[in-house]
Amino acid sequence: MTFFAAGLENITVFSRITSLKLRPGSRGEFLAAVNRSATASVREEPGCLRFDVCADRVDPHRFFLYQVYIDEEAAEAHRFTEHFLAWRCAVERYVEPGTQVHYSTDVVINAK
């Protein structure tokens, strides 16, 4: 699934990549919850440019979330939205404890 805000030009942005592993039997519920969060992030947050949900091809319980924000402040503001707080509740139910790993990077986008 890819959720992308159009209209980007050559800019440097902030990304957050999250790796996580699901509890057995929770894939469907997880996908519904992450879809709601990703959709709301791109639609409702002016600083959220992209939110991808990537499934591992080998391990059906491993997912990677790739989020792109206009800057680090927008990524931090994301953590206080209603949909993020709902997402945190979903994480407690569907994600194996201790398996979430976060990476933060700068990304140079060339929209040519």
PDB file of N, CA and C in Angstrom:
ATOM      1  N   MET A   1       0.848  -1.168   0.000  1.00  0.00           N
ATOM      2  CA  MET A   1       0.000   0.000   0.000  1.00  0.00           C
ATOM      3  C   MET A   1       0.892   1.230   0.000  1.00  0.00           C
ATOM      4  N   THR A   2       0.585   2.196  -0.816  1.00  0.00           N
ATOM      5  CA  THR A   2       1.325   3.444  -0.835  1.00  0.00           C
ATOM      6  C   THR A   2       0.360   4.605  -0.730  1.00  0.00           C
ATOM      7  N   PHE A   3       0.652   5.520   0.156  1.00  0.00           N
ATOM      8  CA  PHE A   3      -0.130   6.731   0.323  1.00  0.00           C
ATOM      9  C   PHE A   3       0.848   7.874   0.107  1.00  0.00           C
ATOM     10  N   PHE A   4       0.657   8.683  -0.945  1.00  0.00           N
ATOM     11  CA  PHE A   4       1.655   9.663  -1.340  1.00  0.00           C
ATOM     12  C   PHE A   4       1.002  11.003  -1.640  1.00  0.00           C
ATOM     13  N   ALA A   5       1.571  12.062  -1.103  1.00  0.00           N
ATOM     14  CA  ALA A   5       1.093  13.405  -1.384  1.00  0.00           C
ATOM     15  C   ALA A   5       1.784  13.915  -2.641  1.00  0.00           C
ATOM     16  N   ALA A   6       1.020  14.371  -3.610  1.00  0.00           N
ATOM     17  CA  ALA A   6       1.572  14.821  -4.895  1.00  0.00           C
ATOM     18  C   ALA A   6       2.177  16.214  -4.783  1.00  0.00           C
ATOM     19  N   GLY A   7       2.907  16.610  -5.820  1.00  0.00           N
ATOM     20  CA  GLY A   7       3.416  17.964  -5.925  1.00  0.00           C
ATOM     21  C   GLY A   7       4.802  18.192  -5.345  1.00  0.00           C
ATOM     22  N   LEU A   8       5.578  17.148  -5.165  1.00  0.00           N
ATOM     23  CA  LEU A   8       6.918  17.314  -4.620  1.00  0.00           C
ATOM     24  C   LEU A   8       7.902  17.747  -5.695  1.00  0.00           C
ATOM     25  N   GLU A   9       8.833  18.572  -5.313  1.00  0.00           N
ATOM     26  CA  GLU A   9       9.928  18.954  -6.189  1.00  0.00           C
ATOM     27  C   GLU A   9      11.225  18.535  -5.516  1.00  0.00           C
ATOM     28  N   ASN A  10      12.357  19.031  -5.955  1.00  0.00           N
ATOM     29  CA  ASN A  10      13.642  18.663  -5.373  1.00  0.00           C
ATOM     30  C   ASN A  10      13.763  19.239  -3.962  1.00  0.00           C
ATOM     31  N   ILE A  11      13.596  18.387  -2.957  1.00  0.00           N
ATOM     32  CA  ILE A  11      13.666  18.819  -1.560  1.00  0.00           C
ATOM     33  C   ILE A  11      14.308  17.729  -0.716  1.00  0.00           C
ATOM     34  N   THR A  12      14.764  18.119   0.463  1.00  0.00           N
ATOM     35  CA  THR A  12      15.237  17.149   1.448  1.00  0.00           C
ATOM     36  C   THR A  12      14.164  17.058   2.524  1.00  0.00           C
ATOM     37  N   VAL A  13      13.774  15.842   2.855  1.00  0.00           N
ATOM     38  CA  VAL A  13      12.709  15.608   3.820  1.00  0.00           C
ATOM     39  C   VAL A  13      13.189  14.617   4.879  1.00  0.00           C
ATOM     40  N   PHE A  14      12.372  14.409   5.880  1.00  0.00           N
ATOM     41  CA  PHE A  14      12.675  13.519   6.995  1.00  0.00           C
ATOM     42  C   PHE A  14      11.864  12.234   6.843  1.00  0.00           C
ATOM     43  N   SER A  15      12.497  11.097   7.059  1.00  0.00           N
ATOM     44  CA  SER A  15      11.742   9.840   6.992  1.00  0.00           C
ATOM     45  C   SER A  15      11.896   9.067   8.292  1.00  0.00           C
ATOM     46  N   ARG A  16      10.880   8.297   8.567  1.00  0.00           N
ATOM     47  CA  ARG A  16      10.928   7.365   9.689  1.00  0.00           C
ATOM     48  C   ARG A  16      10.573   5.993   9.126  1.00  0.00           C
ATOM     49  N   ILE A  17      11.425   5.040   9.397  1.00  0.00           N
ATOM     50  CA  ILE A  17      11.213   3.659   8.968  1.00  0.00           C
ATOM     51  C   ILE A  17      11.045   2.825  10.232  1.00  0.00           C
ATOM     52  N   THR A  18       9.975   2.065  10.278  1.00  0.00           N
ATOM     53  CA  THR A  18       9.703   1.220  11.434  1.00  0.00           C
ATOM     54  C   THR A  18       9.601  -0.225  10.973  1.00  0.00           C
ATOM     55  N   SER A  19      10.327  -1.086  11.653  1.00  0.00           N
ATOM     56  CA  SER A  19      10.242  -2.525  11.425  1.00  0.00           C
ATOM     57  C   SER A  19       9.488  -3.111  12.604  1.00  0.00           C
ATOM     58  N   LEU A  20       8.559  -4.018  12.323  1.00  0.00           N
ATOM     59  CA  LEU A  20       7.819  -4.644  13.416  1.00  0.00           C
ATOM     60  C   LEU A  20       7.377  -6.047  13.029  1.00  0.00           C
ATOM     61  N   LYS A  21       7.104  -6.848  14.033  1.00  0.00           N
ATOM     62  CA  LYS A  21       6.652  -8.221  13.819  1.00  0.00           C
ATOM     63  C   LYS A  21       5.314  -8.401  14.527  1.00  0.00           C
ATOM     64  N   LEU A  22       4.370  -9.012  13.815  1.00  0.00           N
ATOM     65  CA  LEU A  22       3.016  -9.182  14.343  1.00  0.00           C
ATOM     66  C   LEU A  22       2.895 -10.417  15.224  1.00  0.00           C
ATOM     67  N   ARG A  23       1.944 -10.345  16.125  1.00  0.00           N
ATOM     68  CA  ARG A  23       1.557 -11.530  16.888  1.00  0.00           C
ATOM     69  C   ARG A  23       0.866 -12.491  15.913  1.00  0.00           C
ATOM     70  N   PRO A  24       1.047 -13.769  16.076  1.00  0.00           N
ATOM     71  CA  PRO A  24       0.374 -14.734  15.194  1.00  0.00           C
ATOM     72  C   PRO A  24      -1.147 -14.524  15.190  1.00  0.00           C
ATOM     73  N   GLY A  25      -1.735 -14.604  14.013  1.00  0.00           N
ATOM     74  CA  GLY A  25      -3.185 -14.496  13.871  1.00  0.00           C
ATOM     75  C   GLY A  25      -3.734 -13.080  13.859  1.00  0.00           C
ATOM     76  N   SER A  26      -2.875 -12.066  13.820  1.00  0.00           N
ATOM     77  CA  SER A  26      -3.381 -10.695  13.889  1.00  0.00           C
ATOM     78  C   SER A  26      -3.184  -9.899  12.594  1.00  0.00           C
ATOM     79  N   ARG A  27      -2.779 -10.568  11.521  1.00  0.00           N
ATOM     80  CA  ARG A  27      -2.435  -9.862  10.284  1.00  0.00           C
ATOM     81  C   ARG A  27      -3.603  -9.043   9.718  1.00  0.00           C
ATOM     82  N   GLY A  28      -4.781  -9.627   9.643  1.00  0.00           N
ATOM     83  CA  GLY A  28      -5.941  -8.924   9.090  1.00  0.00           C
ATOM     84  C   GLY A  28      -6.322  -7.695   9.895  1.00  0.00           C
ATOM     85  N   GLU A  29      -6.378  -7.834  11.202  1.00  0.00           N
ATOM     86  CA  GLU A  29      -6.720  -6.710  12.067  1.00  0.00           C
ATOM     87  C   GLU A  29      -5.641  -5.634  12.005  1.00  0.00           C
ATOM     88  N   PHE A  30      -4.383  -6.077  11.961  1.00  0.00           N
ATOM     89  CA  PHE A  30      -3.281  -5.129  11.850  1.00  0.00           C
ATOM     90  C   PHE A  30      -3.396  -4.319  10.565  1.00  0.00           C
ATOM     91  N   LEU A  31      -3.633  -4.995   9.442  1.00  0.00           N
ATOM     92  CA  LEU A  31      -3.727  -4.294   8.154  1.00  0.00           C
ATOM     93  C   LEU A  31      -4.857  -3.276   8.155  1.00  0.00           C
ATOM     94  N   ALA A  32      -5.979  -3.605   8.765  1.00  0.00           N
ATOM     95  CA  ALA A  32      -7.088  -2.652   8.845  1.00  0.00           C
ATOM     96  C   ALA A  32      -6.688  -1.429   9.676  1.00  0.00           C
ATOM     97  N   ALA A  33      -6.022  -1.654  10.800  1.00  0.00           N
ATOM     98  CA  ALA A  33      -5.616  -0.556  11.684  1.00  0.00           C
ATOM     99  C   ALA A  33      -4.549   0.321  11.032  1.00  0.00           C
ATOM    100  N   VAL A  34      -3.551  -0.296  10.416  1.00  0.00           N
ATOM    101  CA  VAL A  34      -2.482   0.498   9.808  1.00  0.00           C
ATOM    102  C   VAL A  34      -3.001   1.242   8.573  1.00  0.00           C
ATOM    103  N   ASN A  35      -3.948   0.672   7.863  1.00  0.00           N
ATOM    104  CA  ASN A  35      -4.552   1.357   6.723  1.00  0.00           C
ATOM    105  C   ASN A  35      -5.272   2.628   7.176  1.00  0.00           C
ATOM    106  N   ARG A  36      -6.015   2.530   8.266  1.00  0.00           N
ATOM    107  CA  ARG A  36      -6.705   3.718   8.797  1.00  0.00           C
ATOM    108  C   ARG A  36      -5.697   4.800   9.186  1.00  0.00           C
ATOM    109  N   SER A  37      -4.630   4.395   9.863  1.00  0.00           N
ATOM    110  CA  SER A  37      -3.619   5.353  10.315  1.00  0.00           C
ATOM    111  C   SER A  37      -2.876   5.988   9.145  1.00  0.00           C
ATOM    112  N   ALA A  38      -2.472   5.182   8.176  1.00  0.00           N
ATOM    113  CA  ALA A  38      -1.730   5.696   7.022  1.00  0.00           C
ATOM    114  C   ALA A  38      -2.587   6.661   6.206  1.00  0.00           C
ATOM    115  N   THR A  39      -3.824   6.282   5.963  1.00  0.00           N
ATOM    116  CA  THR A  39      -4.729   7.132   5.193  1.00  0.00           C
ATOM    117  C   THR A  39      -4.957   8.463   5.899  1.00  0.00           C
ATOM    118  N   ALA A  40      -5.233   8.415   7.200  1.00  0.00           N
ATOM    119  CA  ALA A  40      -5.462   9.645   7.959  1.00  0.00           C
ATOM    120  C   ALA A  40      -4.202  10.506   8.009  1.00  0.00           C
ATOM    121  N   SER A  41      -3.039   9.884   8.112  1.00  0.00           N
ATOM    122  CA  SER A  41      -1.790  10.641   8.173  1.00  0.00           C
ATOM    123  C   SER A  41      -1.591  11.486   6.930  1.00  0.00           C
ATOM    124  N   VAL A  42      -1.775  10.886   5.763  1.00  0.00           N
ATOM    125  CA  VAL A  42      -1.556  11.612   4.506  1.00  0.00           C
ATOM    126  C   VAL A  42      -2.666  12.628   4.249  1.00  0.00           C
ATOM    127  N   ARG A  43      -3.889  12.288   4.584  1.00  0.00           N
ATOM    128  CA  ARG A  43      -5.018  13.185   4.313  1.00  0.00           C
ATOM    129  C   ARG A  43      -5.115  14.350   5.288  1.00  0.00           C
ATOM    130  N   GLU A  44      -4.773  14.107   6.552  1.00  0.00           N
ATOM    131  CA  GLU A  44      -5.045  15.099   7.589  1.00  0.00           C
ATOM    132  C   GLU A  44      -3.816  15.853   8.080  1.00  0.00           C
ATOM    133  N   GLU A  45      -2.635  15.373   7.786  1.00  0.00           N
ATOM    134  CA  GLU A  45      -1.426  16.028   8.268  1.00  0.00           C
ATOM    135  C   GLU A  45      -0.705  16.704   7.106  1.00  0.00           C
ATOM    136  N   PRO A  46      -0.680  18.034   7.077  1.00  0.00           N
ATOM    137  CA  PRO A  46      -0.010  18.712   5.963  1.00  0.00           C
ATOM    138  C   PRO A  46       1.478  18.374   5.877  1.00  0.00           C
ATOM    139  N   GLY A  47       2.093  17.978   6.972  1.00  0.00           N
ATOM    140  CA  GLY A  47       3.517  17.654   6.969  1.00  0.00           C
ATOM    141  C   GLY A  47       3.837  16.225   6.594  1.00  0.00           C
ATOM    142  N   CYS A  48       2.821  15.373   6.446  1.00  0.00           N
ATOM    143  CA  CYS A  48       3.048  13.965   6.080  1.00  0.00           C
ATOM    144  C   CYS A  48       2.915  13.829   4.566  1.00  0.00           C
ATOM    145  N   LEU A  49       4.006  13.499   3.916  1.00  0.00           N
ATOM    146  CA  LEU A  49       4.032  13.409   2.459  1.00  0.00           C
ATOM    147  C   LEU A  49       3.779  12.006   1.937  1.00  0.00           C
ATOM    148  N   ARG A  50       4.141  11.010   2.747  1.00  0.00           N
ATOM    149  CA  ARG A  50       4.043   9.630   2.266  1.00  0.00           C
ATOM    150  C   ARG A  50       3.967   8.685   3.459  1.00  0.00           C
ATOM    151  N   PHE A  51       3.203   7.606   3.299  1.00  0.00           N
ATOM    152  CA  PHE A  51       3.118   6.576   4.331  1.00  0.00           C
ATOM    153  C   PHE A  51       2.931   5.248   3.616  1.00  0.00           C
ATOM    154  N   ASP A  52       3.995   4.455   3.543  1.00  0.00           N
ATOM    155  CA  ASP A  52       3.949   3.139   2.896  1.00  0.00           C
ATOM    156  C   ASP A  52       3.899   2.043   3.948  1.00  0.00           C
ATOM    157  N   VAL A  53       3.126   1.031   3.669  1.00  0.00           N
ATOM    158  CA  VAL A  53       3.067  -0.166   4.506  1.00  0.00           C
ATOM    159  C   VAL A  53       3.622  -1.304   3.657  1.00  0.00           C
ATOM    160  N   CYS A  54       4.754  -1.849   4.068  1.00  0.00           N
ATOM    161  CA  CYS A  54       5.460  -2.863   3.274  1.00  0.00           C
ATOM    162  C   CYS A  54       5.469  -4.192   4.021  1.00  0.00           C
ATOM    163  N   ALA A  55       5.029  -5.244   3.345  1.00  0.00           N
ATOM    164  CA  ALA A  55       5.022  -6.585   3.924  1.00  0.00           C
ATOM    165  C   ALA A  55       6.269  -7.338   3.474  1.00  0.00           C
ATOM    166  N   ASP A  56       6.907  -8.010   4.394  1.00  0.00           N
ATOM    167  CA  ASP A  56       8.066  -8.841   4.076  1.00  0.00           C
ATOM    168  C   ASP A  56       7.609  -9.997   3.182  1.00  0.00           C
ATOM    169  N   ARG A  57       8.388 -10.303   2.170  1.00  0.00           N
ATOM    170  CA  ARG A  57       8.015 -11.380   1.233  1.00  0.00           C
ATOM    171  C   ARG A  57       8.250 -12.769   1.810  1.00  0.00           C
ATOM    172  N   VAL A  58       9.107 -12.871   2.801  1.00  0.00           N
ATOM    173  CA  VAL A  58       9.437 -14.180   3.376  1.00  0.00           C
ATOM    174  C   VAL A  58       8.633 -14.452   4.646  1.00  0.00           C
ATOM    175  N   ASP A  59       8.556 -13.461   5.517  1.00  0.00           N
ATOM    176  CA  ASP A  59       7.887 -13.611   6.808  1.00  0.00           C
ATOM    177  C   ASP A  59       6.571 -12.827   6.781  1.00  0.00           C
ATOM    178  N   PRO A  60       5.425 -13.503   6.749  1.00  0.00           N
ATOM    179  CA  PRO A  60       4.144 -12.803   6.657  1.00  0.00           C
ATOM    180  C   PRO A  60       3.789 -12.001   7.904  1.00  0.00           C
ATOM    181  N   HIS A  61       4.581 -12.158   8.963  1.00  0.00           N
ATOM    182  CA  HIS A  61       4.329 -11.411  10.197  1.00  0.00           C
ATOM    183  C   HIS A  61       5.260 -10.203  10.350  1.00  0.00           C
ATOM    184  N   ARG A  62       6.149  -9.965   9.398  1.00  0.00           N
ATOM    185  CA  ARG A  62       7.101  -8.845   9.461  1.00  0.00           C
ATOM    186  C   ARG A  62       6.639  -7.738   8.517  1.00  0.00           C
ATOM    187  N   PHE A  63       6.568  -6.510   9.029  1.00  0.00           N
ATOM    188  CA  PHE A  63       6.164  -5.348   8.247  1.00  0.00           C
ATOM    189  C   PHE A  63       7.152  -4.214   8.459  1.00  0.00           C
ATOM    190  N   PHE A  64       7.197  -3.342   7.468  1.00  0.00           N
ATOM    191  CA  PHE A  64       8.011  -2.139   7.522  1.00  0.00           C
ATOM    192  C   PHE A  64       7.098  -0.965   7.180  1.00  0.00           C
ATOM    193  N   LEU A  65       7.135   0.067   7.988  1.00  0.00           N
ATOM    194  CA  LEU A  65       6.369   1.280   7.731  1.00  0.00           C
ATOM    195  C   LEU A  65       7.361   2.344   7.299  1.00  0.00           C
ATOM    196  N   TYR A  66       7.115   2.951   6.153  1.00  0.00           N
ATOM    197  CA  TYR A  66       7.993   3.989   5.617  1.00  0.00           C
ATOM    198  C   TYR A  66       7.188   5.271   5.541  1.00  0.00           C
ATOM    199  N   GLN A  67       7.565   6.238   6.379  1.00  0.00           N
ATOM    200  CA  GLN A  67       6.844   7.498   6.463  1.00  0.00           C
ATOM    201  C   GLN A  67       7.775   8.638   6.077  1.00  0.00           C
ATOM    202  N   VAL A  68       7.269   9.573   5.281  1.00  0.00           N
ATOM    203  CA  VAL A  68       8.059  10.726   4.867  1.00  0.00           C
ATOM    204  C   VAL A  68       7.318  11.989   5.306  1.00  0.00           C
ATOM    205  N   TYR A  69       8.057  12.848   5.997  1.00  0.00           N
ATOM    206  CA  TYR A  69       7.516  14.109   6.503  1.00  0.00           C
ATOM    207  C   TYR A  69       8.329  15.270   5.954  1.00  0.00           C
ATOM    208  N   ILE A  70       7.720  16.424   5.890  1.00  0.00           N
ATOM    209  CA  ILE A  70       8.385  17.612   5.379  1.00  0.00           C
ATOM    210  C   ILE A  70       9.605  17.959   6.243  1.00  0.00           C
ATOM    211  N   ASP A  71       9.528  17.647   7.544  1.00  0.00           N
ATOM    212  CA  ASP A  71      10.663  17.867   8.437  1.00  0.00           C
ATOM    213  C   ASP A  71      10.451  17.058   9.721  1.00  0.00           C
ATOM    214  N   GLU A  72      11.448  17.087  10.582  1.00  0.00           N
ATOM    215  CA  GLU A  72      11.381  16.306  11.819  1.00  0.00           C
ATOM    216  C   GLU A  72      10.268  16.799  12.742  1.00  0.00           C
ATOM    217  N   GLU A  73       9.985  18.072  12.713  1.00  0.00           N
ATOM    218  CA  GLU A  73       8.912  18.629  13.541  1.00  0.00           C
ATOM    219  C   GLU A  73       7.551  18.065  13.128  1.00  0.00           C
ATOM    220  N   ALA A  74       7.339  17.900  11.827  1.00  0.00           N
ATOM    221  CA  ALA A  74       6.078  17.311  11.348  1.00  0.00           C
ATOM    222  C   ALA A  74       5.959  15.860  11.790  1.00  0.00           C
ATOM    223  N   ALA A  75       7.081  15.146  11.795  1.00  0.00           N
ATOM    224  CA  ALA A  75       7.070  13.754  12.268  1.00  0.00           C
ATOM    225  C   ALA A  75       6.736  13.696  13.753  1.00  0.00           C
ATOM    226  N   GLU A  76       7.261  14.635  14.510  1.00  0.00           N
ATOM    227  CA  GLU A  76       6.966  14.677  15.946  1.00  0.00           C
ATOM    228  C   GLU A  76       5.500  15.053  16.176  1.00  0.00           C
ATOM    229  N   ALA A  77       4.969  15.993  15.400  1.00  0.00           N
ATOM    230  CA  ALA A  77       3.562  16.388  15.534  1.00  0.00           C
ATOM    231  C   ALA A  77       2.635  15.207  15.249  1.00  0.00           C
ATOM    232  N   HIS A  78       3.044  14.329  14.345  1.00  0.00           N
ATOM    233  CA  HIS A  78       2.266  13.126  14.014  1.00  0.00           C
ATOM    234  C   HIS A  78       1.950  12.304  15.260  1.00  0.00           C
ATOM    235  N   ARG A  79       2.876  12.267  16.180  1.00  0.00           N
ATOM    236  CA  ARG A  79       2.732  11.442  17.394  1.00  0.00           C
ATOM    237  C   ARG A  79       1.639  11.923  18.333  1.00  0.00           C
ATOM    238  N   PHE A  80       1.084  13.112  18.078  1.00  0.00           N
ATOM    239  CA  PHE A  80       0.049  13.668  18.952  1.00  0.00           C
ATOM    240  C   PHE A  80      -1.316  13.725  18.277  1.00  0.00           C
ATOM    241  N   THR A  81      -1.426  13.113  17.094  1.00  0.00           N
ATOM    242  CA  THR A  81      -2.712  13.105  16.390  1.00  0.00           C
ATOM    243  C   THR A  81      -3.618  12.028  16.954  1.00  0.00           C
ATOM    244  N   GLU A  82      -4.898  12.200  16.729  1.00  0.00           N
ATOM    245  CA  GLU A  82      -5.883  11.227  17.185  1.00  0.00           C
ATOM    246  C   GLU A  82      -5.646   9.850  16.553  1.00  0.00           C
ATOM    247  N   HIS A  83      -5.343   9.842  15.247  1.00  0.00           N
ATOM    248  CA  HIS A  83      -5.144   8.550  14.582  1.00  0.00           C
ATOM    249  C   HIS A  83      -3.867   7.864  15.057  1.00  0.00           C
ATOM    250  N   PHE A  84      -2.834   8.620  15.428  1.00  0.00           N
ATOM    251  CA  PHE A  84      -1.632   7.981  15.967  1.00  0.00           C
ATOM    252  C   PHE A  84      -1.929   7.367  17.332  1.00  0.00           C
ATOM    253  N   LEU A  85      -2.676   8.054  18.159  1.00  0.00           N
ATOM    254  CA  LEU A  85      -3.003   7.511  19.484  1.00  0.00           C
ATOM    255  C   LEU A  85      -3.829   6.232  19.348  1.00  0.00           C
ATOM    256  N   ALA A  86      -4.750   6.196  18.378  1.00  0.00           N
ATOM    257  CA  ALA A  86      -5.507   4.965  18.103  1.00  0.00           C
ATOM    258  C   ALA A  86      -4.561   3.874  17.609  1.00  0.00           C
ATOM    259  N   TRP A  87      -3.597   4.255  16.770  1.00  0.00           N
ATOM    260  CA  TRP A  87      -2.606   3.309  16.252  1.00  0.00           C
ATOM    261  C   TRP A  87      -1.802   2.694  17.398  1.00  0.00           C
ATOM    262  N   ARG A  88      -1.441   3.491  18.391  1.00  0.00           N
ATOM    263  CA  ARG A  88      -0.670   2.972  19.531  1.00  0.00           C
ATOM    264  C   ARG A  88      -1.462   1.869  20.239  1.00  0.00           C
ATOM    265  N   CYS A  89      -2.765   2.022  20.352  1.00  0.00           N
ATOM    266  CA  CYS A  89      -3.599   0.974  20.964  1.00  0.00           C
ATOM    267  C   CYS A  89      -3.555  -0.291  20.115  1.00  0.00           C
ATOM    268  N   ALA A  90      -3.586  -0.131  18.789  1.00  0.00           N
ATOM    269  CA  ALA A  90      -3.513  -1.283  17.884  1.00  0.00           C
ATOM    270  C   ALA A  90      -2.171  -1.986  18.013  1.00  0.00           C
ATOM    271  N   VAL A  91      -1.096  -1.225  18.157  1.00  0.00           N
ATOM    272  CA  VAL A  91       0.232  -1.814  18.320  1.00  0.00           C
ATOM    273  C   VAL A  91       0.248  -2.721  19.547  1.00  0.00           C
ATOM    274  N   GLU A  92      -0.353  -2.264  20.629  1.00  0.00           N
ATOM    275  CA  GLU A  92      -0.392  -3.070  21.858  1.00  0.00           C
ATOM    276  C   GLU A  92      -1.089  -4.411  21.621  1.00  0.00           C
ATOM    277  N   ARG A  93      -2.109  -4.414  20.773  1.00  0.00           N
ATOM    278  CA  ARG A  93      -2.868  -5.642  20.509  1.00  0.00           C
ATOM    279  C   ARG A  93      -2.202  -6.552  19.480  1.00  0.00           C
ATOM    280  N   TYR A  94      -1.593  -5.988  18.432  1.00  0.00           N
ATOM    281  CA  TYR A  94      -1.192  -6.786  17.275  1.00  0.00           C
ATOM    282  C   TYR A  94       0.311  -6.983  17.078  1.00  0.00           C
ATOM    283  N   VAL A  95       1.142  -6.180  17.711  1.00  0.00           N
ATOM    284  CA  VAL A  95       2.588  -6.252  17.486  1.00  0.00           C
ATOM    285  C   VAL A  95       3.265  -6.951  18.661  1.00  0.00           C
ATOM    286  N   GLU A  96       4.174  -7.867  18.321  1.00  0.00           N
ATOM    287  CA  GLU A  96       4.928  -8.558  19.366  1.00  0.00           C
ATOM    288  C   GLU A  96       5.780  -7.550  20.125  1.00  0.00           C
ATOM    289  N   PRO A  97       5.716  -7.570  21.447  1.00  0.00           N
ATOM    290  CA  PRO A  97       6.520  -6.630  22.238  1.00  0.00           C
ATOM    291  C   PRO A  97       8.015  -6.791  21.940  1.00  0.00           C
ATOM    292  N   GLY A  98       8.682  -5.656  21.891  1.00  0.00           N
ATOM    293  CA  GLY A  98      10.126  -5.669  21.683  1.00  0.00           C
ATOM    294  C   GLY A  98      10.579  -5.837  20.249  1.00  0.00           C
ATOM    295  N   THR A  99       9.648  -5.896  19.290  1.00  0.00           N
ATOM    296  CA  THR A  99      10.047  -6.112  17.897  1.00  0.00           C
ATOM    297  C   THR A  99      10.003  -4.839  17.060  1.00  0.00           C
ATOM    298  N   GLN A 100       9.560  -3.725  17.639  1.00  0.00           N
ATOM    299  CA  GLN A 100       9.514  -2.473  16.888  1.00  0.00           C
ATOM    300  C   GLN A 100      10.878  -1.808  16.925  1.00  0.00           C
ATOM    301  N   VAL A 101      11.410  -1.517  15.741  1.00  0.00           N
ATOM    302  CA  VAL A 101      12.680  -0.814  15.619  1.00  0.00           C
ATOM    303  C   VAL A 101      12.449   0.388  14.715  1.00  0.00           C
ATOM    304  N   HIS A 102      12.915   1.560  15.145  1.00  0.00           N
ATOM    305  CA  HIS A 102      12.714   2.800  14.388  1.00  0.00           C
ATOM    306  C   HIS A 102      14.051   3.306  13.858  1.00  0.00           C
ATOM    307  N   TYR A 103      14.026   3.782  12.626  1.00  0.00           N
ATOM    308  CA  TYR A 103      15.179   4.420  11.997  1.00  0.00           C
ATOM    309  C   TYR A 103      14.718   5.776  11.492  1.00  0.00           C
ATOM    310  N   SER A 104      15.560   6.779  11.605  1.00  0.00           N
ATOM    311  CA  SER A 104      15.235   8.097  11.082  1.00  0.00           C
ATOM    312  C   SER A 104      16.331   8.518  10.118  1.00  0.00           C
ATOM    313  N   THR A 105      15.922   9.083   8.984  1.00  0.00           N
ATOM    314  CA  THR A 105      16.889   9.477   7.956  1.00  0.00           C
ATOM    315  C   THR A 105      16.437  10.756   7.268  1.00  0.00           C
ATOM    316  N   ASP A 106      17.365  11.403   6.594  1.00  0.00           N
ATOM    317  CA  ASP A 106      17.041  12.474   5.665  1.00  0.00           C
ATOM    318  C   ASP A 106      16.964  11.853   4.282  1.00  0.00           C
ATOM    319  N   VAL A 107      16.043  12.325   3.460  1.00  0.00           N
ATOM    320  CA  VAL A 107      15.848  11.798   2.118  1.00  0.00           C
ATOM    321  C   VAL A 107      15.852  12.976   1.145  1.00  0.00           C
ATOM    322  N   VAL A 108      16.589  12.835   0.070  1.00  0.00           N
ATOM    323  CA  VAL A 108      16.572  13.844  -0.985  1.00  0.00           C
ATOM    324  C   VAL A 108      15.657  13.320  -2.086  1.00  0.00           C
ATOM    325  N   ILE A 109      14.581  14.064  -2.353  1.00  0.00           N
ATOM    326  CA  ILE A 109      13.608  13.648  -3.363  1.00  0.00           C
ATOM    327  C   ILE A 109      13.845  14.449  -4.634  1.00  0.00           C
ATOM    328  N   ASN A 110      14.008  13.746  -5.727  1.00  0.00           N
ATOM    329  CA  ASN A 110      14.120  14.368  -7.045  1.00  0.00           C
ATOM    330  C   ASN A 110      12.899  13.945  -7.823  1.00  0.00           C
ATOM    331  N   ALA A 111      11.942  14.851  -7.960  1.00  0.00           N
ATOM    332  CA  ALA A 111      10.641  14.514  -8.562  1.00  0.00           C
ATOM    333  C   ALA A 111      10.634  14.646 -10.078  1.00  0.00           C
ATOM    334  N   LYS A 112      11.779  14.695 -10.709  1.00  0.00           N
ATOM    335  CA  LYS A 112      11.813  14.812 -12.177  1.00  0.00           C
ATOM    336  C   LYS A 112      11.371  13.540 -12.840  1.00  0.00           C
TER     337      LYS A 112
END
